[in-house]
Amino acid sequence: MRTIVMTGATSGIGRVAAEHMLQMPDVQLWLGARGAPPPGAHGFPLDLARLASVRAFAKAVGERLGEIPIDALVLNAGTQFPSDNGRTEDGFETTFAVKHLAHYLLLLLLPRLAEAATVVITTSDTHEPALNPIAPPEHADAERLAHPVRKPGVRSSPLRDGFRAYSASKLCNLLTARALSRSQAAEVKHLRIIAYNPGFTLGTGLQRSAPLILWLLIGMLRPIVVPLFRINKPAQAGQVLADLALGRIEPPAGRLYASLVKRRLTWPETSDLAQRDDVMSKLWRDSAQMVGLERLAANNGERPST
């Protein structure tokens, strides 16, 4: 049996991916979620906005699995908020906490990964300024993202600020995948690390916090823009996520960024900021300190490039 642990499987592309995995007779799927898991999956309570809940989830998975190793860890959950004003009970900006810090903390499960296991972290091409001229990430400084401060003289723009928080969190996901691929754990266990961009996909529920007018506009335009611009559909984006987790799609040598754009999967270069090793290393260390995983940063973290 292959054992897969996953977040973000109750809706959107994650739900599609989970349903594909559950069709495999040799797959056991263990999910963390606030809602009910798909039929056939094993569910544990998980609130990514609470680090205590993330730790409890990791502990519950470990206790339930015992000596059974994890063959794939899929960190897919996330949402998008209209502003960066929200804060979690731990005091961090909500988008950064849910999409980055919580999944970083789930690296508590690293010791339980099997030899040659796969780790898939969902990211986004919004981290690339050339593809996101509206609100590209300006940095990946954990302290500034966790406690954003408005620049003097810069007016707040709820939609822009919320989208920038989202794109910055996706940059962090990609940098975490890069750092993990260089970690001692990845080297010793020959882990396959993939950062997956499902591309612009309508109908996933990602924008569930968006204003009602935006929902109405999307509903009216969807029948026209989806086929015209070859916008990804949840069925395909979810299928690719499942195939990556199951090892049906192998990354080319030296690549970890899988990008599904206009219904075509490629392995492109990332943004210049995402390729900076100093930014990657600092984010890894600072995130470890924020979530209380200093040992991971000290003993099992990324190795500097040579």
C-alpha atoms as a PDB file:
ATOM      1  CA  MET A   1       0.000   0.000   0.000  1.00  0.00           C
ATOM      2  CA  ARG A   2       1.114   3.528  -0.773  1.00  0.00           C
ATOM      3  CA  THR A   3       0.438   6.011   2.020  1.00  0.00           C
ATOM      4  CA  ILE A   4      -0.269   9.628   1.085  1.00  0.00           C
ATOM      5  CA  VAL A   5      -0.767  12.513   3.513  1.00  0.00           C
ATOM      6  CA  MET A   6      -2.425  15.595   2.056  1.00  0.00           C
ATOM      7  CA  THR A   7      -3.860  18.995   2.890  1.00  0.00           C
ATOM      8  CA  GLY A   8      -6.393  20.900   0.813  1.00  0.00           C
ATOM      9  CA  ALA A   9      -8.365  17.898  -0.447  1.00  0.00           C
ATOM     10  CA  THR A  10     -11.941  18.864   0.385  1.00  0.00           C
ATOM     11  CA  SER A  11     -12.516  21.252  -2.523  1.00  0.00           C
ATOM     12  CA  GLY A  12     -11.053  22.514  -5.786  1.00  0.00           C
ATOM     13  CA  ILE A  13      -8.167  20.774  -7.497  1.00  0.00           C
ATOM     14  CA  GLY A  14      -7.242  19.058  -4.236  1.00  0.00           C
ATOM     15  CA  ARG A  15     -10.606  17.307  -4.140  1.00  0.00           C
ATOM     16  CA  VAL A  16     -10.158  16.195  -7.749  1.00  0.00           C
ATOM     17  CA  ALA A  17      -6.658  14.918  -6.993  1.00  0.00           C
ATOM     18  CA  ALA A  18      -7.856  13.055  -3.898  1.00  0.00           C
ATOM     19  CA  GLU A  19     -10.647  11.348  -5.844  1.00  0.00           C
ATOM     20  CA  HIS A  20      -8.160  10.197  -8.481  1.00  0.00           C
ATOM     21  CA  MET A  21      -5.838   8.818  -5.808  1.00  0.00           C
ATOM     22  CA  LEU A  22      -8.690   7.009  -4.093  1.00  0.00           C
ATOM     23  CA  GLN A  23      -9.427   5.153  -7.329  1.00  0.00           C
ATOM     24  CA  MET A  24      -6.093   3.384  -6.921  1.00  0.00           C
ATOM     25  CA  PRO A  25      -6.545   0.113  -4.989  1.00  0.00           C
ATOM     26  CA  ASP A  26      -3.096   0.367  -3.406  1.00  0.00           C
ATOM     27  CA  VAL A  27      -3.433   3.918  -2.010  1.00  0.00           C
ATOM     28  CA  GLN A  28      -4.364   4.955   1.510  1.00  0.00           C
ATOM     29  CA  LEU A  29      -5.108   8.678   1.742  1.00  0.00           C
ATOM     30  CA  TRP A  30      -4.808  10.554   5.036  1.00  0.00           C
ATOM     31  CA  LEU A  31      -6.158  14.081   4.986  1.00  0.00           C
ATOM     32  CA  GLY A  32      -6.035  17.114   7.214  1.00  0.00           C
ATOM     33  CA  ALA A  33      -9.053  19.384   6.880  1.00  0.00           C
ATOM     34  CA  ARG A  34     -11.756  21.299   8.705  1.00  0.00           C
ATOM     35  CA  GLY A  35     -14.475  19.731   6.526  1.00  0.00           C
ATOM     36  CA  ALA A  36     -15.456  16.182   5.725  1.00  0.00           C
ATOM     37  CA  PRO A  37     -12.934  14.213   3.618  1.00  0.00           C
ATOM     38  CA  PRO A  38     -13.910  12.532   0.333  1.00  0.00           C
ATOM     39  CA  PRO A  39     -15.435   9.047   0.760  1.00  0.00           C
ATOM     40  CA  GLY A  40     -12.723   6.463   1.278  1.00  0.00           C
ATOM     41  CA  ALA A  41     -10.167   8.850   2.764  1.00  0.00           C
ATOM     42  CA  HIS A  42      -9.099   9.011   6.403  1.00  0.00           C
ATOM     43  CA  GLY A  43      -9.543  12.450   7.928  1.00  0.00           C
ATOM     44  CA  PHE A  44      -7.919  14.299  10.815  1.00  0.00           C
ATOM     45  CA  PRO A  45      -8.942  17.747  12.088  1.00  0.00           C
ATOM     46  CA  LEU A  46      -6.625  20.477  10.806  1.00  0.00           C
ATOM     47  CA  ASP A  47      -6.933  24.245  11.010  1.00  0.00           C
ATOM     48  CA  LEU A  48      -3.974  25.750   9.166  1.00  0.00           C
ATOM     49  CA  ALA A  49      -4.594  29.109  10.801  1.00  0.00           C
ATOM     50  CA  ARG A  50      -3.567  27.625  14.163  1.00  0.00           C
ATOM     51  CA  LEU A  51      -0.038  26.275  14.621  1.00  0.00           C
ATOM     52  CA  ALA A  52      -1.240  24.244  17.611  1.00  0.00           C
ATOM     53  CA  SER A  53      -3.690  22.476  15.295  1.00  0.00           C
ATOM     54  CA  VAL A  54      -0.916  21.803  12.771  1.00  0.00           C
ATOM     55  CA  ARG A  55       1.226  20.210  15.467  1.00  0.00           C
ATOM     56  CA  ALA A  56      -1.721  18.147  16.690  1.00  0.00           C
ATOM     57  CA  PHE A  57      -2.372  16.945  13.140  1.00  0.00           C
ATOM     58  CA  ALA A  58       1.252  15.886  12.633  1.00  0.00           C
ATOM     59  CA  LYS A  59       1.187  14.062  15.973  1.00  0.00           C
ATOM     60  CA  ALA A  60      -2.112  12.315  15.154  1.00  0.00           C
ATOM     61  CA  VAL A  61      -0.804  11.158  11.781  1.00  0.00           C
ATOM     62  CA  GLY A  62       2.329   9.793  13.405  1.00  0.00           C
ATOM     63  CA  GLU A  63       0.421   7.943  16.105  1.00  0.00           C
ATOM     64  CA  ARG A  64      -2.080   6.473  13.642  1.00  0.00           C
ATOM     65  CA  LEU A  65       0.488   5.348  11.084  1.00  0.00           C
ATOM     66  CA  GLY A  66       2.949   3.965  13.587  1.00  0.00           C
ATOM     67  CA  GLU A  67       5.847   2.436  11.640  1.00  0.00           C
ATOM     68  CA  ILE A  68       4.126   2.822   8.252  1.00  0.00           C
ATOM     69  CA  PRO A  69       6.161   5.274   6.148  1.00  0.00           C
ATOM     70  CA  ILE A  70       4.623   8.107   4.133  1.00  0.00           C
ATOM     71  CA  ASP A  71       5.144   7.708   0.377  1.00  0.00           C
ATOM     72  CA  ALA A  72       3.863  11.152  -0.616  1.00  0.00           C
ATOM     73  CA  LEU A  73       3.275  14.377   1.288  1.00  0.00           C
ATOM     74  CA  VAL A  74       1.038  16.805  -0.630  1.00  0.00           C
ATOM     75  CA  LEU A  75       0.885  20.334   0.792  1.00  0.00           C
ATOM     76  CA  ASN A  76      -1.909  21.843  -1.264  1.00  0.00           C
ATOM     77  CA  ALA A  77      -4.285  23.739   1.012  1.00  0.00           C
ATOM     78  CA  GLY A  78      -4.729  27.473   0.822  1.00  0.00           C
ATOM     79  CA  THR A  79      -7.046  30.361   0.284  1.00  0.00           C
ATOM     80  CA  GLN A  80      -6.948  33.959  -0.852  1.00  0.00           C
ATOM     81  CA  PHE A  81      -8.097  36.945   1.190  1.00  0.00           C
ATOM     82  CA  PRO A  82      -9.108  40.386  -0.079  1.00  0.00           C
ATOM     83  CA  SER A  83      -6.600  42.181   2.176  1.00  0.00           C
ATOM     84  CA  ASP A  84      -3.588  41.576   4.411  1.00  0.00           C
ATOM     85  CA  ASN A  85      -5.329  42.854   7.550  1.00  0.00           C
ATOM     86  CA  GLY A  86      -6.220  39.431   8.973  1.00  0.00           C
ATOM     87  CA  ARG A  87      -4.211  37.905  11.808  1.00  0.00           C
ATOM     88  CA  THR A  88      -4.166  34.369  13.188  1.00  0.00           C
ATOM     89  CA  GLU A  89      -4.315  33.486  16.867  1.00  0.00           C
ATOM     90  CA  ASP A  90      -0.508  33.191  16.717  1.00  0.00           C
ATOM     91  CA  GLY A  91      -0.315  36.828  15.617  1.00  0.00           C
ATOM     92  CA  PHE A  92       0.784  36.293  12.000  1.00  0.00           C
ATOM     93  CA  GLU A  93      -0.737  37.723   8.812  1.00  0.00           C
ATOM     94  CA  THR A  94      -3.320  35.140   7.787  1.00  0.00           C
ATOM     95  CA  THR A  95      -2.277  34.431   4.189  1.00  0.00           C
ATOM     96  CA  PHE A  96       1.384  33.978   5.126  1.00  0.00           C
ATOM     97  CA  ALA A  97       0.486  31.857   8.149  1.00  0.00           C
ATOM     98  CA  VAL A  98      -1.934  29.527   6.350  1.00  0.00           C
ATOM     99  CA  LYS A  99      -0.146  29.108   3.057  1.00  0.00           C
ATOM    100  CA  HIS A 100       3.468  29.113   4.202  1.00  0.00           C
ATOM    101  CA  LEU A 101       4.098  28.777   7.943  1.00  0.00           C
ATOM    102  CA  ALA A 102       1.559  25.991   8.505  1.00  0.00           C
ATOM    103  CA  HIS A 103       2.939  23.900   5.676  1.00  0.00           C
ATOM    104  CA  TYR A 104       6.496  24.596   6.754  1.00  0.00           C
ATOM    105  CA  LEU A 105       5.564  23.268  10.187  1.00  0.00           C
ATOM    106  CA  LEU A 106       4.244  20.087   8.566  1.00  0.00           C
ATOM    107  CA  LEU A 107       7.873  19.275   7.790  1.00  0.00           C
ATOM    108  CA  LEU A 108       7.571  17.681  11.227  1.00  0.00           C
ATOM    109  CA  LEU A 109       6.562  14.676   9.111  1.00  0.00           C
ATOM    110  CA  LEU A 110       9.915  14.538   7.297  1.00  0.00           C
ATOM    111  CA  PRO A 111      11.309  11.736   9.496  1.00  0.00           C
ATOM    112  CA  ARG A 112       8.279   9.620   8.555  1.00  0.00           C
ATOM    113  CA  LEU A 113       8.811   9.877   4.807  1.00  0.00           C
ATOM    114  CA  ALA A 114       9.710   6.690   2.976  1.00  0.00           C
ATOM    115  CA  GLU A 115      12.808   6.186   0.870  1.00  0.00           C
ATOM    116  CA  ALA A 116      12.317   7.989  -2.465  1.00  0.00           C
ATOM    117  CA  ALA A 117       9.097   9.603  -1.211  1.00  0.00           C
ATOM    118  CA  THR A 118       7.528  12.550  -3.038  1.00  0.00           C
ATOM    119  CA  VAL A 119       6.762  15.969  -1.566  1.00  0.00           C
ATOM    120  CA  VAL A 120       4.499  18.237  -3.629  1.00  0.00           C
ATOM    121  CA  ILE A 121       4.016  21.861  -2.563  1.00  0.00           C
ATOM    122  CA  THR A 122       1.430  23.865  -4.474  1.00  0.00           C
ATOM    123  CA  THR A 123       2.745  27.235  -5.592  1.00  0.00           C
ATOM    124  CA  SER A 124       1.694  29.722  -8.281  1.00  0.00           C
ATOM    125  CA  ASP A 125       3.129  31.607 -11.242  1.00  0.00           C
ATOM    126  CA  THR A 126       1.903  34.800  -9.545  1.00  0.00           C
ATOM    127  CA  HIS A 127       5.341  34.770  -7.878  1.00  0.00           C
ATOM    128  CA  GLU A 128       6.734  35.886 -11.264  1.00  0.00           C
ATOM    129  CA  PRO A 129       6.591  39.693 -11.770  1.00  0.00           C
ATOM    130  CA  ALA A 130       6.529  39.276 -15.545  1.00  0.00           C
ATOM    131  CA  LEU A 131       3.266  37.342 -15.202  1.00  0.00           C
ATOM    132  CA  ASN A 132       1.851  39.383 -12.334  1.00  0.00           C
ATOM    133  CA  PRO A 133       2.326  43.097 -12.959  1.00  0.00           C
ATOM    134  CA  ILE A 134      -0.545  44.006 -10.613  1.00  0.00           C
ATOM    135  CA  ALA A 135       0.867  42.910  -7.252  1.00  0.00           C
ATOM    136  CA  PRO A 136       4.047  40.832  -7.561  1.00  0.00           C
ATOM    137  CA  PRO A 137       5.918  39.849  -4.397  1.00  0.00           C
ATOM    138  CA  GLU A 138       8.466  42.472  -3.407  1.00  0.00           C
ATOM    139  CA  HIS A 139      10.442  40.220  -1.068  1.00  0.00           C
ATOM    140  CA  ALA A 140      10.302  36.973   0.900  1.00  0.00           C
ATOM    141  CA  ASP A 141      11.298  38.322   4.299  1.00  0.00           C
ATOM    142  CA  ALA A 142       9.405  36.214   6.835  1.00  0.00           C
ATOM    143  CA  GLU A 143       9.244  38.901   9.518  1.00  0.00           C
ATOM    144  CA  ARG A 144       7.877  41.523   7.136  1.00  0.00           C
ATOM    145  CA  LEU A 145       5.349  39.105   5.648  1.00  0.00           C
ATOM    146  CA  ALA A 146       4.216  37.872   9.053  1.00  0.00           C
ATOM    147  CA  HIS A 147       3.818  41.429  10.379  1.00  0.00           C
ATOM    148  CA  PRO A 148       3.253  43.697   7.366  1.00  0.00           C
ATOM    149  CA  VAL A 149       3.606  47.440   7.910  1.00  0.00           C
ATOM    150  CA  ARG A 150       2.224  49.959   5.453  1.00  0.00           C
ATOM    151  CA  LYS A 151       4.881  52.099   3.798  1.00  0.00           C
ATOM    152  CA  PRO A 152       4.710  55.810   4.675  1.00  0.00           C
ATOM    153  CA  GLY A 153       2.726  57.693   2.082  1.00  0.00           C
ATOM    154  CA  VAL A 154       1.362  54.527   0.437  1.00  0.00           C
ATOM    155  CA  ARG A 155      -2.408  54.212   0.591  1.00  0.00           C
ATOM    156  CA  SER A 156      -3.982  50.888   1.424  1.00  0.00           C
ATOM    157  CA  SER A 157      -5.557  49.036  -1.489  1.00  0.00           C
ATOM    158  CA  PRO A 158      -7.457  45.997  -0.165  1.00  0.00           C
ATOM    159  CA  LEU A 159      -7.483  43.977  -3.398  1.00  0.00           C
ATOM    160  CA  ARG A 160      -3.888  44.806  -4.278  1.00  0.00           C
ATOM    161  CA  ASP A 161      -2.605  44.197  -0.743  1.00  0.00           C
ATOM    162  CA  GLY A 162      -4.443  40.888  -0.494  1.00  0.00           C
ATOM    163  CA  PHE A 163      -3.184  39.715  -3.874  1.00  0.00           C
ATOM    164  CA  ARG A 164       0.394  40.702  -3.006  1.00  0.00           C
ATOM    165  CA  ALA A 165       0.164  38.720   0.232  1.00  0.00           C
ATOM    166  CA  TYR A 166      -1.041  35.761  -1.839  1.00  0.00           C
ATOM    167  CA  SER A 167       1.721  36.018  -4.445  1.00  0.00           C
ATOM    168  CA  ALA A 168       4.356  36.449  -1.722  1.00  0.00           C
ATOM    169  CA  SER A 169       3.133  33.327   0.070  1.00  0.00           C
ATOM    170  CA  LYS A 170       3.428  31.406  -3.198  1.00  0.00           C
ATOM    171  CA  LEU A 171       6.989  32.662  -3.600  1.00  0.00           C
ATOM    172  CA  CYS A 172       7.649  31.307  -0.104  1.00  0.00           C
ATOM    173  CA  ASN A 173       6.192  27.929  -1.103  1.00  0.00           C
ATOM    174  CA  LEU A 174       8.563  27.759  -4.051  1.00  0.00           C
ATOM    175  CA  LEU A 175      11.579  28.814  -2.000  1.00  0.00           C
ATOM    176  CA  THR A 176      10.674  26.197   0.620  1.00  0.00           C
ATOM    177  CA  ALA A 177      10.557  23.511  -2.060  1.00  0.00           C
ATOM    178  CA  ARG A 178      13.996  24.580  -3.303  1.00  0.00           C
ATOM    179  CA  ALA A 179      15.444  24.581   0.210  1.00  0.00           C
ATOM    180  CA  LEU A 180      13.906  21.208   0.988  1.00  0.00           C
ATOM    181  CA  SER A 181      15.375  19.729  -2.191  1.00  0.00           C
ATOM    182  CA  ARG A 182      18.828  20.649  -0.846  1.00  0.00           C
ATOM    183  CA  SER A 183      18.203  19.384   2.668  1.00  0.00           C
ATOM    184  CA  GLN A 184      19.984  16.515   4.339  1.00  0.00           C
ATOM    185  CA  ALA A 185      16.673  14.659   4.533  1.00  0.00           C
ATOM    186  CA  ALA A 186      16.187  14.907   0.764  1.00  0.00           C
ATOM    187  CA  GLU A 187      19.741  13.758   0.147  1.00  0.00           C
ATOM    188  CA  VAL A 188      19.672  10.832   2.568  1.00  0.00           C
ATOM    189  CA  LYS A 189      16.219   9.574   1.552  1.00  0.00           C
ATOM    190  CA  HIS A 190      16.462  10.508  -2.147  1.00  0.00           C
ATOM    191  CA  LEU A 191      13.262  12.527  -1.920  1.00  0.00           C
ATOM    192  CA  ARG A 192      11.509  13.885  -5.009  1.00  0.00           C
ATOM    193  CA  ILE A 193      10.528  17.523  -4.349  1.00  0.00           C
ATOM    194  CA  ILE A 194       8.065  19.273  -6.651  1.00  0.00           C
ATOM    195  CA  ALA A 195       6.632  22.787  -6.559  1.00  0.00           C
ATOM    196  CA  TYR A 196       3.417  22.692  -8.590  1.00  0.00           C
ATOM    197  CA  ASN A 197       1.742  25.679 -10.221  1.00  0.00           C
ATOM    198  CA  PRO A 198      -1.798  24.653 -11.249  1.00  0.00           C
ATOM    199  CA  GLY A 199      -2.130  27.886 -13.197  1.00  0.00           C
ATOM    200  CA  PHE A 200      -5.167  30.112 -13.404  1.00  0.00           C
ATOM    201  CA  THR A 201      -8.035  27.705 -12.788  1.00  0.00           C
ATOM    202  CA  LEU A 202     -11.635  28.843 -12.456  1.00  0.00           C
ATOM    203  CA  GLY A 203     -14.098  27.016 -10.234  1.00  0.00           C
ATOM    204  CA  THR A 204     -11.714  26.005  -7.435  1.00  0.00           C
ATOM    205  CA  GLY A 205     -13.210  28.105  -4.621  1.00  0.00           C
ATOM    206  CA  LEU A 206      -9.854  29.817  -4.046  1.00  0.00           C
ATOM    207  CA  GLN A 207     -11.516  33.221  -4.294  1.00  0.00           C
ATOM    208  CA  ARG A 208     -14.308  32.343  -1.875  1.00  0.00           C
ATOM    209  CA  SER A 209     -13.470  35.438   0.188  1.00  0.00           C
ATOM    210  CA  ALA A 210     -13.795  37.704  -2.851  1.00  0.00           C
ATOM    211  CA  PRO A 211     -16.597  40.283  -3.117  1.00  0.00           C
ATOM    212  CA  LEU A 212     -19.950  39.069  -4.436  1.00  0.00           C
ATOM    213  CA  ILE A 213     -19.659  41.240  -7.534  1.00  0.00           C
ATOM    214  CA  LEU A 214     -16.479  39.383  -8.542  1.00  0.00           C
ATOM    215  CA  TRP A 215     -18.232  36.033  -8.136  1.00  0.00           C
ATOM    216  CA  LEU A 216     -21.093  37.200 -10.344  1.00  0.00           C
ATOM    217  CA  LEU A 217     -18.676  38.495 -12.975  1.00  0.00           C
ATOM    218  CA  ILE A 218     -16.733  35.217 -13.026  1.00  0.00           C
ATOM    219  CA  GLY A 219     -19.964  33.257 -13.384  1.00  0.00           C
ATOM    220  CA  MET A 220     -21.082  35.319 -16.369  1.00  0.00           C
ATOM    221  CA  LEU A 221     -17.746  35.280 -18.194  1.00  0.00           C
ATOM    222  CA  ARG A 222     -16.674  31.686 -17.521  1.00  0.00           C
ATOM    223  CA  PRO A 223     -18.445  30.081 -20.523  1.00  0.00           C
ATOM    224  CA  ILE A 224     -16.662  32.557 -22.811  1.00  0.00           C
ATOM    225  CA  VAL A 225     -13.177  33.016 -21.382  1.00  0.00           C
ATOM    226  CA  VAL A 226     -12.407  29.399 -20.402  1.00  0.00           C
ATOM    227  CA  PRO A 227     -12.368  27.972 -23.951  1.00  0.00           C
ATOM    228  CA  LEU A 228     -11.192  31.200 -25.582  1.00  0.00           C
ATOM    229  CA  PHE A 229      -8.044  31.568 -23.464  1.00  0.00           C
ATOM    230  CA  ARG A 230      -7.590  27.837 -22.751  1.00  0.00           C
ATOM    231  CA  ILE A 231      -7.938  28.462 -19.022  1.00  0.00           C
ATOM    232  CA  ASN A 232      -7.227  25.402 -16.918  1.00  0.00           C
ATOM    233  CA  LYS A 233     -10.118  23.351 -15.620  1.00  0.00           C
ATOM    234  CA  PRO A 234     -10.154  21.847 -12.117  1.00  0.00           C
ATOM    235  CA  ALA A 235     -10.415  18.346 -13.603  1.00  0.00           C
ATOM    236  CA  GLN A 236      -7.091  18.641 -15.427  1.00  0.00           C
ATOM    237  CA  ALA A 237      -5.258  20.626 -12.739  1.00  0.00           C
ATOM    238  CA  GLY A 238      -6.341  18.091 -10.123  1.00  0.00           C
ATOM    239  CA  GLN A 239      -5.377  15.144 -12.320  1.00  0.00           C
ATOM    240  CA  VAL A 240      -1.871  16.559 -12.768  1.00  0.00           C
ATOM    241  CA  LEU A 241      -1.540  17.072  -9.009  1.00  0.00           C
ATOM    242  CA  ALA A 242      -2.490  13.426  -8.445  1.00  0.00           C
ATOM    243  CA  ASP A 243      -0.077  12.229 -11.134  1.00  0.00           C
ATOM    244  CA  LEU A 244       2.779  14.201  -9.590  1.00  0.00           C
ATOM    245  CA  ALA A 245       2.064  12.781  -6.137  1.00  0.00           C
ATOM    246  CA  LEU A 246       1.775   9.235  -7.470  1.00  0.00           C
ATOM    247  CA  GLY A 247       4.989   9.475  -9.464  1.00  0.00           C
ATOM    248  CA  ARG A 248       3.285   9.150 -12.840  1.00  0.00           C
ATOM    249  CA  ILE A 249       4.989  12.377 -13.936  1.00  0.00           C
ATOM    250  CA  GLU A 250       8.742  12.533 -13.411  1.00  0.00           C
ATOM    251  CA  PRO A 251      10.532  15.884 -13.159  1.00  0.00           C
ATOM    252  CA  PRO A 252      13.282  16.437 -15.721  1.00  0.00           C
ATOM    253  CA  ALA A 253      16.790  16.324 -14.275  1.00  0.00           C
ATOM    254  CA  GLY A 254      17.541  19.420 -12.243  1.00  0.00           C
ATOM    255  CA  ARG A 255      13.964  20.718 -12.308  1.00  0.00           C
ATOM    256  CA  LEU A 256      11.373  20.961  -9.539  1.00  0.00           C
ATOM    257  CA  TYR A 257       8.970  23.680 -10.726  1.00  0.00           C
ATOM    258  CA  ALA A 258       6.025  22.142 -12.596  1.00  0.00           C
ATOM    259  CA  SER A 259       3.770  24.704 -14.246  1.00  0.00           C
ATOM    260  CA  LEU A 260       0.385  24.012 -15.852  1.00  0.00           C
ATOM    261  CA  VAL A 261      -0.511  27.003 -18.035  1.00  0.00           C
ATOM    262  CA  LYS A 262      -3.114  26.971 -20.799  1.00  0.00           C
ATOM    263  CA  ARG A 263      -3.583  23.248 -20.154  1.00  0.00           C
ATOM    264  CA  ARG A 264       0.062  22.425 -20.893  1.00  0.00           C
ATOM    265  CA  LEU A 265       2.552  21.192 -18.281  1.00  0.00           C
ATOM    266  CA  THR A 266       6.097  22.553 -18.525  1.00  0.00           C
ATOM    267  CA  TRP A 267       9.114  22.822 -16.214  1.00  0.00           C
ATOM    268  CA  PRO A 268      10.171  26.487 -16.634  1.00  0.00           C
ATOM    269  CA  GLU A 269      12.646  28.669 -14.805  1.00  0.00           C
ATOM    270  CA  THR A 270      11.350  30.525 -11.767  1.00  0.00           C
ATOM    271  CA  SER A 271      11.553  34.254 -11.106  1.00  0.00           C
ATOM    272  CA  ASP A 272      14.927  35.825 -10.333  1.00  0.00           C
ATOM    273  CA  LEU A 273      13.919  36.328  -6.696  1.00  0.00           C
ATOM    274  CA  ALA A 274      12.900  32.668  -6.367  1.00  0.00           C
ATOM    275  CA  GLN A 275      16.358  31.622  -7.582  1.00  0.00           C
ATOM    276  CA  ARG A 276      18.305  33.593  -4.975  1.00  0.00           C
ATOM    277  CA  ASP A 277      19.967  31.255  -2.500  1.00  0.00           C
ATOM    278  CA  ASP A 278      20.426  33.959   0.141  1.00  0.00           C
ATOM    279  CA  VAL A 279      16.676  34.690   0.127  1.00  0.00           C
ATOM    280  CA  MET A 280      15.896  30.975   0.253  1.00  0.00           C
ATOM    281  CA  SER A 281      18.245  30.306   3.183  1.00  0.00           C
ATOM    282  CA  LYS A 282      17.019  33.250   5.225  1.00  0.00           C
ATOM    283  CA  LEU A 283      13.362  32.320   4.715  1.00  0.00           C
ATOM    284  CA  TRP A 284      14.088  28.734   5.782  1.00  0.00           C
ATOM    285  CA  ARG A 285      15.866  29.796   8.967  1.00  0.00           C
ATOM    286  CA  ASP A 286      13.398  32.530   9.931  1.00  0.00           C
ATOM    287  CA  SER A 287      10.389  30.280   9.298  1.00  0.00           C
ATOM    288  CA  ALA A 288      11.917  27.583  11.496  1.00  0.00           C
ATOM    289  CA  GLN A 289      12.300  30.088  14.318  1.00  0.00           C
ATOM    290  CA  MET A 290       8.724  31.345  13.933  1.00  0.00           C
ATOM    291  CA  VAL A 291       7.164  27.887  14.199  1.00  0.00           C
ATOM    292  CA  GLY A 292       9.630  26.468  16.734  1.00  0.00           C
ATOM    293  CA  LEU A 293      11.557  24.140  14.414  1.00  0.00           C
ATOM    294  CA  GLU A 294      15.039  25.521  15.024  1.00  0.00           C
ATOM    295  CA  ARG A 295      16.408  21.974  15.066  1.00  0.00           C
ATOM    296  CA  LEU A 296      15.235  21.516  11.480  1.00  0.00           C
ATOM    297  CA  ALA A 297      17.109  24.619  10.397  1.00  0.00           C
ATOM    298  CA  ALA A 298      20.232  23.649  12.317  1.00  0.00           C
ATOM    299  CA  ASN A 299      20.466  19.916  11.628  1.00  0.00           C
ATOM    300  CA  ASN A 300      18.249  19.109   8.693  1.00  0.00           C
ATOM    301  CA  GLY A 301      18.006  22.306   6.700  1.00  0.00           C
ATOM    302  CA  GLU A 302      19.111  23.283   3.255  1.00  0.00           C
ATOM    303  CA  ARG A 303      22.745  23.105   2.328  1.00  0.00           C
ATOM    304  CA  PRO A 304      24.275  26.125   0.636  1.00  0.00           C
ATOM    305  CA  SER A 305      25.032  25.771  -3.029  1.00  0.00           C
ATOM    306  CA  THR A 306      28.638  24.988  -4.001  1.00  0.00           C
END
